């Protein structure tokens, strides 16, 4: 039974996240239906992460099994043809070993969150970034963000609906940088809790606005209490950027060290 790995890009605005839902459109459903239309086989697509409603992906990794074998390049092209006009694209399709798993073989995940920090309304990036009008101090945000790096109990930054067995995660990097009116937050870890990145970004924005201090962020982390969260950022600016696997280029991060949750 051949197994194929996909690299996927999508605009999350029309979807209720990746995972198939009974009450709305999802990326998983769109991909599975396209594959079935091409191959005539019902498949289950497993992804490296389960993104929320409205969250985007630049390079999500996923896999599925077929009964019949196909040329990987032609299969990817055919799936893209069936996906039109939905805002989901297969960037790459390749055969993988039958023990390769998009979720369980993954050593680490990277997200980016984009804030457009200007007074003028968003036009080209409406729905694809968080629009913050008041000036943000990106340097203060980056300095405070280092409080969250390392192994911690992230209960405060965890959705009440999170299904993870433990709130303890190891955050390997949390960087904030400014490029003109764009403030970008980059987060890397082996895995994340539900809403963790959006919750961290929301609190960092409060610091950038001068409403919170680094000490306030540390106190929220130490509280281990969701009620102490300052702000949960909207999904618009969140992008799944990279899934990291053994033997693959890790785009500047440590290959395995630091990814032990």
C-alpha atoms as a PDB file:
ATOM      1  CA  UNK A   1       0.000   0.000   0.000  1.00  0.00           C
ATOM      2  CA  UNK A   2       1.883   3.141  -1.165  1.00  0.00           C
ATOM      3  CA  UNK A   3       2.083   6.154   1.145  1.00  0.00           C
ATOM      4  CA  UNK A   4       2.388   9.705  -0.164  1.00  0.00           C
ATOM      5  CA  UNK A   5       3.515  12.850   1.652  1.00  0.00           C
ATOM      6  CA  UNK A   6       2.074  16.240   0.733  1.00  0.00           C
ATOM      7  CA  UNK A   7       3.287  19.755   1.391  1.00  0.00           C
ATOM      8  CA  UNK A   8       0.215  21.988   1.561  1.00  0.00           C
ATOM      9  CA  UNK A   9      -0.505  25.705   1.455  1.00  0.00           C
ATOM     10  CA  UNK A  10      -3.878  27.270   2.203  1.00  0.00           C
ATOM     11  CA  UNK A  11      -5.783  30.398   3.075  1.00  0.00           C
ATOM     12  CA  UNK A  12      -7.626  29.500   6.275  1.00  0.00           C
ATOM     13  CA  UNK A  13     -10.337  32.161   6.037  1.00  0.00           C
ATOM     14  CA  UNK A  14     -13.051  29.932   4.489  1.00  0.00           C
ATOM     15  CA  UNK A  15     -12.337  26.916   6.677  1.00  0.00           C
ATOM     16  CA  UNK A  16     -13.113  25.731  10.185  1.00  0.00           C
ATOM     17  CA  UNK A  17      -9.532  24.619  10.612  1.00  0.00           C
ATOM     18  CA  UNK A  18      -7.762  21.576   9.191  1.00  0.00           C
ATOM     19  CA  UNK A  19      -9.577  18.738  10.922  1.00  0.00           C
ATOM     20  CA  UNK A  20     -12.801  17.470   9.352  1.00  0.00           C
ATOM     21  CA  UNK A  21     -15.930  18.792  11.116  1.00  0.00           C
ATOM     22  CA  UNK A  22     -19.596  17.772  10.732  1.00  0.00           C
ATOM     23  CA  UNK A  23     -20.829  21.381  10.626  1.00  0.00           C
ATOM     24  CA  UNK A  24     -18.606  23.284   8.204  1.00  0.00           C
ATOM     25  CA  UNK A  25     -15.887  23.220   5.529  1.00  0.00           C
ATOM     26  CA  UNK A  26     -12.380  22.093   6.512  1.00  0.00           C
ATOM     27  CA  UNK A  27      -9.067  21.696   4.745  1.00  0.00           C
ATOM     28  CA  UNK A  28      -8.932  17.975   5.488  1.00  0.00           C
ATOM     29  CA  UNK A  29     -12.309  17.428   3.831  1.00  0.00           C
ATOM     30  CA  UNK A  30     -11.273  19.436   0.768  1.00  0.00           C
ATOM     31  CA  UNK A  31      -8.037  17.441   0.342  1.00  0.00           C
ATOM     32  CA  UNK A  32      -9.668  14.052   0.935  1.00  0.00           C
ATOM     33  CA  UNK A  33     -12.457  14.777  -1.535  1.00  0.00           C
ATOM     34  CA  UNK A  34      -9.948  15.900  -4.169  1.00  0.00           C
ATOM     35  CA  UNK A  35      -7.860  12.740  -3.698  1.00  0.00           C
ATOM     36  CA  UNK A  36     -10.957  10.559  -3.943  1.00  0.00           C
ATOM     37  CA  UNK A  37     -11.987  12.315  -7.162  1.00  0.00           C
ATOM     38  CA  UNK A  38      -8.561  11.599  -8.682  1.00  0.00           C
ATOM     39  CA  UNK A  39      -7.958   8.055  -7.453  1.00  0.00           C
ATOM     40  CA  UNK A  40     -11.426   6.668  -6.802  1.00  0.00           C
ATOM     41  CA  UNK A  41     -10.258   5.732  -3.295  1.00  0.00           C
ATOM     42  CA  UNK A  42     -11.520   7.013   0.052  1.00  0.00           C
ATOM     43  CA  UNK A  43      -8.540   8.164   2.113  1.00  0.00           C
ATOM     44  CA  UNK A  44      -7.748   9.595   5.526  1.00  0.00           C
ATOM     45  CA  UNK A  45      -5.263  12.478   5.391  1.00  0.00           C
ATOM     46  CA  UNK A  46      -3.141  12.970   8.519  1.00  0.00           C
ATOM     47  CA  UNK A  47      -1.343  16.297   9.019  1.00  0.00           C
ATOM     48  CA  UNK A  48       1.556  17.521  11.146  1.00  0.00           C
ATOM     49  CA  UNK A  49      -0.767  19.904  12.980  1.00  0.00           C
ATOM     50  CA  UNK A  50      -4.430  20.722  13.491  1.00  0.00           C
ATOM     51  CA  UNK A  51      -4.913  24.386  12.719  1.00  0.00           C
ATOM     52  CA  UNK A  52      -7.852  26.411  14.051  1.00  0.00           C
ATOM     53  CA  UNK A  53     -10.580  28.211  12.170  1.00  0.00           C
ATOM     54  CA  UNK A  54      -9.085  30.985  10.059  1.00  0.00           C
ATOM     55  CA  UNK A  55      -5.446  29.903  10.499  1.00  0.00           C
ATOM     56  CA  UNK A  56      -3.298  29.698   7.355  1.00  0.00           C
ATOM     57  CA  UNK A  57      -0.522  27.369   6.241  1.00  0.00           C
ATOM     58  CA  UNK A  58       2.572  28.001   4.141  1.00  0.00           C
ATOM     59  CA  UNK A  59       3.983  24.461   4.265  1.00  0.00           C
ATOM     60  CA  UNK A  60       1.878  21.983   6.218  1.00  0.00           C
ATOM     61  CA  UNK A  61       2.973  18.369   5.845  1.00  0.00           C
ATOM     62  CA  UNK A  62       0.448  15.557   5.517  1.00  0.00           C
ATOM     63  CA  UNK A  63       0.251  11.966   4.338  1.00  0.00           C
ATOM     64  CA  UNK A  64      -2.237   9.402   3.046  1.00  0.00           C
ATOM     65  CA  UNK A  65      -2.255   5.793   1.816  1.00  0.00           C
ATOM     66  CA  UNK A  66      -3.584   4.402  -1.450  1.00  0.00           C
ATOM     67  CA  UNK A  67      -4.292   0.883  -2.642  1.00  0.00           C
ATOM     68  CA  UNK A  68      -2.955   1.554  -6.145  1.00  0.00           C
ATOM     69  CA  UNK A  69       0.343   3.217  -6.947  1.00  0.00           C
ATOM     70  CA  UNK A  70       0.548   6.543  -8.807  1.00  0.00           C
ATOM     71  CA  UNK A  71       3.280   8.768 -10.170  1.00  0.00           C
ATOM     72  CA  UNK A  72       3.741  11.298  -7.357  1.00  0.00           C
ATOM     73  CA  UNK A  73       4.196  14.377  -9.551  1.00  0.00           C
ATOM     74  CA  UNK A  74       1.121  13.632 -11.662  1.00  0.00           C
ATOM     75  CA  UNK A  75      -0.867  12.786  -8.553  1.00  0.00           C
ATOM     76  CA  UNK A  76      -0.060  16.168  -7.001  1.00  0.00           C
ATOM     77  CA  UNK A  77      -0.968  17.979 -10.214  1.00  0.00           C
ATOM     78  CA  UNK A  78      -4.269  16.120 -10.466  1.00  0.00           C
ATOM     79  CA  UNK A  79      -5.180  16.868  -6.835  1.00  0.00           C
ATOM     80  CA  UNK A  80      -4.541  20.573  -7.464  1.00  0.00           C
ATOM     81  CA  UNK A  81      -6.825  20.479 -10.483  1.00  0.00           C
ATOM     82  CA  UNK A  82      -9.628  18.972  -8.389  1.00  0.00           C
ATOM     83  CA  UNK A  83      -9.083  21.479  -5.560  1.00  0.00           C
ATOM     84  CA  UNK A  84      -9.834  24.491  -7.780  1.00  0.00           C
ATOM     85  CA  UNK A  85     -11.219  27.051  -7.022  1.00  0.00           C
ATOM     86  CA  UNK A  86     -10.651  26.407  -3.308  1.00  0.00           C
ATOM     87  CA  UNK A  87      -7.687  28.274  -1.735  1.00  0.00           C
ATOM     88  CA  UNK A  88      -5.716  25.068  -1.027  1.00  0.00           C
ATOM     89  CA  UNK A  89      -2.687  23.947  -3.015  1.00  0.00           C
ATOM     90  CA  UNK A  90      -0.371  20.940  -3.071  1.00  0.00           C
ATOM     91  CA  UNK A  91       3.154  22.375  -3.237  1.00  0.00           C
ATOM     92  CA  UNK A  92       4.823  18.958  -3.357  1.00  0.00           C
ATOM     93  CA  UNK A  93       3.831  15.291  -3.464  1.00  0.00           C
ATOM     94  CA  UNK A  94       6.276  12.443  -2.974  1.00  0.00           C
ATOM     95  CA  UNK A  95       6.273   8.753  -1.991  1.00  0.00           C
ATOM     96  CA  UNK A  96       7.473   7.963   1.531  1.00  0.00           C
ATOM     97  CA  UNK A  97       8.126   4.860   3.594  1.00  0.00           C
ATOM     98  CA  UNK A  98       5.073   3.215   5.101  1.00  0.00           C
ATOM     99  CA  UNK A  99       6.311   4.039   8.623  1.00  0.00           C
ATOM    100  CA  UNK A 100       6.650   7.782   7.869  1.00  0.00           C
ATOM    101  CA  UNK A 101       3.903   9.694   9.669  1.00  0.00           C
ATOM    102  CA  UNK A 102       3.178  13.394   9.193  1.00  0.00           C
ATOM    103  CA  UNK A 103       2.332  13.853  12.878  1.00  0.00           C
ATOM    104  CA  UNK A 104       4.288  11.234  14.807  1.00  0.00           C
ATOM    105  CA  UNK A 105       7.519  11.423  12.781  1.00  0.00           C
ATOM    106  CA  UNK A 106       7.642  15.202  13.175  1.00  0.00           C
ATOM    107  CA  UNK A 107      10.521  16.551  15.299  1.00  0.00           C
ATOM    108  CA  UNK A 108       9.357  20.148  15.463  1.00  0.00           C
ATOM    109  CA  UNK A 109       6.916  22.739  14.191  1.00  0.00           C
ATOM    110  CA  UNK A 110       7.268  26.411  13.353  1.00  0.00           C
ATOM    111  CA  UNK A 111       4.598  29.103  13.268  1.00  0.00           C
ATOM    112  CA  UNK A 112       4.668  32.766  12.335  1.00  0.00           C
ATOM    113  CA  UNK A 113       2.231  35.424  13.418  1.00  0.00           C
ATOM    114  CA  UNK A 114       1.930  38.616  11.393  1.00  0.00           C
ATOM    115  CA  UNK A 115       0.778  41.947  12.841  1.00  0.00           C
ATOM    116  CA  UNK A 116       0.360  44.987  10.583  1.00  0.00           C
ATOM    117  CA  UNK A 117       1.056  47.968  12.816  1.00  0.00           C
ATOM    118  CA  UNK A 118      -0.348  51.078  11.124  1.00  0.00           C
ATOM    119  CA  UNK A 119      -3.350  53.387  11.237  1.00  0.00           C
ATOM    120  CA  UNK A 120      -4.511  52.802   7.662  1.00  0.00           C
ATOM    121  CA  UNK A 121      -6.972  49.923   7.135  1.00  0.00           C
ATOM    122  CA  UNK A 122      -5.758  46.654   5.649  1.00  0.00           C
ATOM    123  CA  UNK A 123      -6.531  46.035   2.002  1.00  0.00           C
ATOM    124  CA  UNK A 124      -4.268  43.372   0.473  1.00  0.00           C
ATOM    125  CA  UNK A 125      -3.743  41.644   3.832  1.00  0.00           C
ATOM    126  CA  UNK A 126      -7.236  41.893   5.277  1.00  0.00           C
ATOM    127  CA  UNK A 127      -7.953  38.533   6.910  1.00  0.00           C
ATOM    128  CA  UNK A 128      -4.286  37.561   6.651  1.00  0.00           C
ATOM    129  CA  UNK A 129      -2.814  39.675   9.457  1.00  0.00           C
ATOM    130  CA  UNK A 130      -3.847  41.243  12.764  1.00  0.00           C
ATOM    131  CA  UNK A 131      -4.346  44.979  12.339  1.00  0.00           C
ATOM    132  CA  UNK A 132      -3.050  46.900  15.378  1.00  0.00           C
ATOM    133  CA  UNK A 133      -3.357  50.685  15.072  1.00  0.00           C
ATOM    134  CA  UNK A 134      -1.378  51.895  18.096  1.00  0.00           C
ATOM    135  CA  UNK A 135       2.430  51.762  17.946  1.00  0.00           C
ATOM    136  CA  UNK A 136       3.995  48.517  19.160  1.00  0.00           C
ATOM    137  CA  UNK A 137       7.415  48.327  20.804  1.00  0.00           C
ATOM    138  CA  UNK A 138       8.764  45.232  19.044  1.00  0.00           C
ATOM    139  CA  UNK A 139      12.026  45.290  21.032  1.00  0.00           C
ATOM    140  CA  UNK A 140      10.142  45.189  24.333  1.00  0.00           C
ATOM    141  CA  UNK A 141       8.000  42.357  22.969  1.00  0.00           C
ATOM    142  CA  UNK A 142      11.059  40.315  21.983  1.00  0.00           C
ATOM    143  CA  UNK A 143      12.777  40.914  25.333  1.00  0.00           C
ATOM    144  CA  UNK A 144       9.684  39.809  27.257  1.00  0.00           C
ATOM    145  CA  UNK A 145       9.092  36.814  24.972  1.00  0.00           C
ATOM    146  CA  UNK A 146      12.241  35.149  26.284  1.00  0.00           C
ATOM    147  CA  UNK A 147      10.415  34.566  29.595  1.00  0.00           C
ATOM    148  CA  UNK A 148       8.367  31.933  27.772  1.00  0.00           C
ATOM    149  CA  UNK A 149      11.272  30.108  26.108  1.00  0.00           C
ATOM    150  CA  UNK A 150      12.131  26.767  27.678  1.00  0.00           C
ATOM    151  CA  UNK A 151      10.149  24.047  29.420  1.00  0.00           C
ATOM    152  CA  UNK A 152       7.090  25.408  31.255  1.00  0.00           C
ATOM    153  CA  UNK A 153       3.567  24.631  32.305  1.00  0.00           C
ATOM    154  CA  UNK A 154       1.640  26.684  29.717  1.00  0.00           C
ATOM    155  CA  UNK A 155      -1.819  26.271  31.276  1.00  0.00           C
ATOM    156  CA  UNK A 156      -2.418  30.045  31.117  1.00  0.00           C
ATOM    157  CA  UNK A 157      -1.803  29.957  27.367  1.00  0.00           C
ATOM    158  CA  UNK A 158      -3.893  26.853  26.722  1.00  0.00           C
ATOM    159  CA  UNK A 159      -7.451  26.780  25.385  1.00  0.00           C
ATOM    160  CA  UNK A 160     -10.076  25.327  27.699  1.00  0.00           C
ATOM    161  CA  UNK A 161     -10.832  22.890  24.840  1.00  0.00           C
ATOM    162  CA  UNK A 162      -7.225  21.698  24.479  1.00  0.00           C
ATOM    163  CA  UNK A 163      -6.984  17.899  24.292  1.00  0.00           C
ATOM    164  CA  UNK A 164      -3.269  17.600  25.052  1.00  0.00           C
ATOM    165  CA  UNK A 165      -2.475  15.195  27.890  1.00  0.00           C
ATOM    166  CA  UNK A 166      -0.165  17.718  29.577  1.00  0.00           C
ATOM    167  CA  UNK A 167       0.167  21.527  29.636  1.00  0.00           C
ATOM    168  CA  UNK A 168       3.956  21.197  29.871  1.00  0.00           C
ATOM    169  CA  UNK A 169       5.723  22.086  26.619  1.00  0.00           C
ATOM    170  CA  UNK A 170       9.231  23.108  25.611  1.00  0.00           C
ATOM    171  CA  UNK A 171       9.265  26.301  23.599  1.00  0.00           C
ATOM    172  CA  UNK A 172      12.534  26.425  21.659  1.00  0.00           C
ATOM    173  CA  UNK A 173      12.279  29.913  20.157  1.00  0.00           C
ATOM    174  CA  UNK A 174       9.982  32.914  20.419  1.00  0.00           C
ATOM    175  CA  UNK A 175      11.305  35.853  18.428  1.00  0.00           C
ATOM    176  CA  UNK A 176       9.755  39.226  17.593  1.00  0.00           C
ATOM    177  CA  UNK A 177      11.062  41.389  14.779  1.00  0.00           C
ATOM    178  CA  UNK A 178       9.846  44.506  12.987  1.00  0.00           C
ATOM    179  CA  UNK A 179      10.086  45.207   9.256  1.00  0.00           C
ATOM    180  CA  UNK A 180       8.619  48.700   8.716  1.00  0.00           C
ATOM    181  CA  UNK A 181       4.919  48.381   9.636  1.00  0.00           C
ATOM    182  CA  UNK A 182       5.047  44.596   9.928  1.00  0.00           C
ATOM    183  CA  UNK A 183       5.716  42.914  13.299  1.00  0.00           C
ATOM    184  CA  UNK A 184       6.387  39.186  12.966  1.00  0.00           C
ATOM    185  CA  UNK A 185       6.454  36.696  15.853  1.00  0.00           C
ATOM    186  CA  UNK A 186       8.172  33.347  15.180  1.00  0.00           C
ATOM    187  CA  UNK A 187       7.585  30.345  17.451  1.00  0.00           C
ATOM    188  CA  UNK A 188       9.291  26.931  17.316  1.00  0.00           C
ATOM    189  CA  UNK A 189       8.646  23.849  19.426  1.00  0.00           C
ATOM    190  CA  UNK A 190       8.218  20.121  19.088  1.00  0.00           C
ATOM    191  CA  UNK A 191       4.488  20.644  19.583  1.00  0.00           C
ATOM    192  CA  UNK A 192       2.074  23.308  20.772  1.00  0.00           C
ATOM    193  CA  UNK A 193      -1.061  23.444  22.874  1.00  0.00           C
ATOM    194  CA  UNK A 194      -4.391  24.529  21.425  1.00  0.00           C
ATOM    195  CA  UNK A 195      -4.333  28.350  21.099  1.00  0.00           C
ATOM    196  CA  UNK A 196      -0.832  28.544  22.628  1.00  0.00           C
ATOM    197  CA  UNK A 197       0.713  30.692  19.909  1.00  0.00           C
ATOM    198  CA  UNK A 198      -2.266  33.050  19.656  1.00  0.00           C
ATOM    199  CA  UNK A 199      -2.342  33.412  23.443  1.00  0.00           C
ATOM    200  CA  UNK A 200       1.356  34.210  23.636  1.00  0.00           C
ATOM    201  CA  UNK A 201       1.055  36.736  20.811  1.00  0.00           C
ATOM    202  CA  UNK A 202      -1.895  38.462  22.472  1.00  0.00           C
ATOM    203  CA  UNK A 203       0.064  38.960  25.686  1.00  0.00           C
ATOM    204  CA  UNK A 204       3.145  40.144  23.795  1.00  0.00           C
ATOM    205  CA  UNK A 205       0.972  42.717  22.039  1.00  0.00           C
ATOM    206  CA  UNK A 206      -0.096  44.056  25.444  1.00  0.00           C
ATOM    207  CA  UNK A 207       3.595  44.499  26.243  1.00  0.00           C
ATOM    208  CA  UNK A 208       4.190  46.230  22.928  1.00  0.00           C
ATOM    209  CA  UNK A 209       1.340  48.619  23.725  1.00  0.00           C
ATOM    210  CA  UNK A 210       2.775  49.378  27.170  1.00  0.00           C
ATOM    211  CA  UNK A 211      -0.176  47.829  29.029  1.00  0.00           C
ATOM    212  CA  UNK A 212       1.830  44.880  30.367  1.00  0.00           C
ATOM    213  CA  UNK A 213       5.444  44.474  31.486  1.00  0.00           C
ATOM    214  CA  UNK A 214       7.812  41.518  31.253  1.00  0.00           C
ATOM    215  CA  UNK A 215       6.995  40.872  34.922  1.00  0.00           C
ATOM    216  CA  UNK A 216       3.281  40.716  34.101  1.00  0.00           C
ATOM    217  CA  UNK A 217       3.975  38.096  31.444  1.00  0.00           C
ATOM    218  CA  UNK A 218       6.071  36.057  33.886  1.00  0.00           C
ATOM    219  CA  UNK A 219       3.302  36.288  36.480  1.00  0.00           C
ATOM    220  CA  UNK A 220       0.718  35.074  33.960  1.00  0.00           C
ATOM    221  CA  UNK A 221       2.936  32.090  33.099  1.00  0.00           C
ATOM    222  CA  UNK A 222       3.535  31.260  36.766  1.00  0.00           C
ATOM    223  CA  UNK A 223      -0.181  31.514  37.572  1.00  0.00           C
ATOM    224  CA  UNK A 224      -0.995  28.424  35.463  1.00  0.00           C
ATOM    225  CA  UNK A 225      -4.508  29.832  35.162  1.00  0.00           C
ATOM    226  CA  UNK A 226      -6.303  30.571  31.880  1.00  0.00           C
ATOM    227  CA  UNK A 227      -8.197  33.371  33.615  1.00  0.00           C
ATOM    228  CA  UNK A 228      -4.887  35.248  33.960  1.00  0.00           C
ATOM    229  CA  UNK A 229      -4.422  35.438  30.184  1.00  0.00           C
ATOM    230  CA  UNK A 230      -4.282  39.025  29.010  1.00  0.00           C
ATOM    231  CA  UNK A 231      -5.449  38.605  25.396  1.00  0.00           C
ATOM    232  CA  UNK A 232      -5.920  35.894  22.784  1.00  0.00           C
ATOM    233  CA  UNK A 233      -4.851  37.181  19.362  1.00  0.00           C
ATOM    234  CA  UNK A 234      -7.224  36.593  16.413  1.00  0.00           C
ATOM    235  CA  UNK A 235      -6.481  33.731  13.986  1.00  0.00           C
ATOM    236  CA  UNK A 236      -6.037  35.998  10.940  1.00  0.00           C
ATOM    237  CA  UNK A 237      -2.280  36.520  11.365  1.00  0.00           C
ATOM    238  CA  UNK A 238      -1.265  32.952  12.237  1.00  0.00           C
ATOM    239  CA  UNK A 239       0.588  30.775   9.711  1.00  0.00           C
ATOM    240  CA  UNK A 240       1.872  27.223  10.017  1.00  0.00           C
ATOM    241  CA  UNK A 241       5.315  27.607   8.428  1.00  0.00           C
ATOM    242  CA  UNK A 242       7.264  24.379   8.715  1.00  0.00           C
ATOM    243  CA  UNK A 243       7.226  20.809   9.952  1.00  0.00           C
ATOM    244  CA  UNK A 244      10.641  19.289  10.638  1.00  0.00           C
ATOM    245  CA  UNK A 245      11.539  15.627  10.103  1.00  0.00           C
ATOM    246  CA  UNK A 246      14.654  13.476  10.589  1.00  0.00           C
ATOM    247  CA  UNK A 247      17.206  14.041   7.849  1.00  0.00           C
ATOM    248  CA  UNK A 248      15.516  17.153   6.464  1.00  0.00           C
ATOM    249  CA  UNK A 249      16.758  20.732   6.411  1.00  0.00           C
ATOM    250  CA  UNK A 250      15.582  22.465   9.564  1.00  0.00           C
ATOM    251  CA  UNK A 251      15.777  26.013   8.093  1.00  0.00           C
ATOM    252  CA  UNK A 252      18.298  27.345  10.578  1.00  0.00           C
ATOM    253  CA  UNK A 253      17.080  25.655  13.764  1.00  0.00           C
ATOM    254  CA  UNK A 254      18.643  22.800  15.701  1.00  0.00           C
ATOM    255  CA  UNK A 255      17.964  19.505  13.952  1.00  0.00           C
ATOM    256  CA  UNK A 256      17.006  17.474  17.015  1.00  0.00           C
ATOM    257  CA  UNK A 257      18.420  19.123  20.124  1.00  0.00           C
ATOM    258  CA  UNK A 258      15.847  21.331  21.756  1.00  0.00           C
ATOM    259  CA  UNK A 259      12.870  19.473  20.352  1.00  0.00           C
ATOM    260  CA  UNK A 260      12.339  17.255  23.358  1.00  0.00           C
ATOM    261  CA  UNK A 261       9.004  18.461  24.669  1.00  0.00           C
END
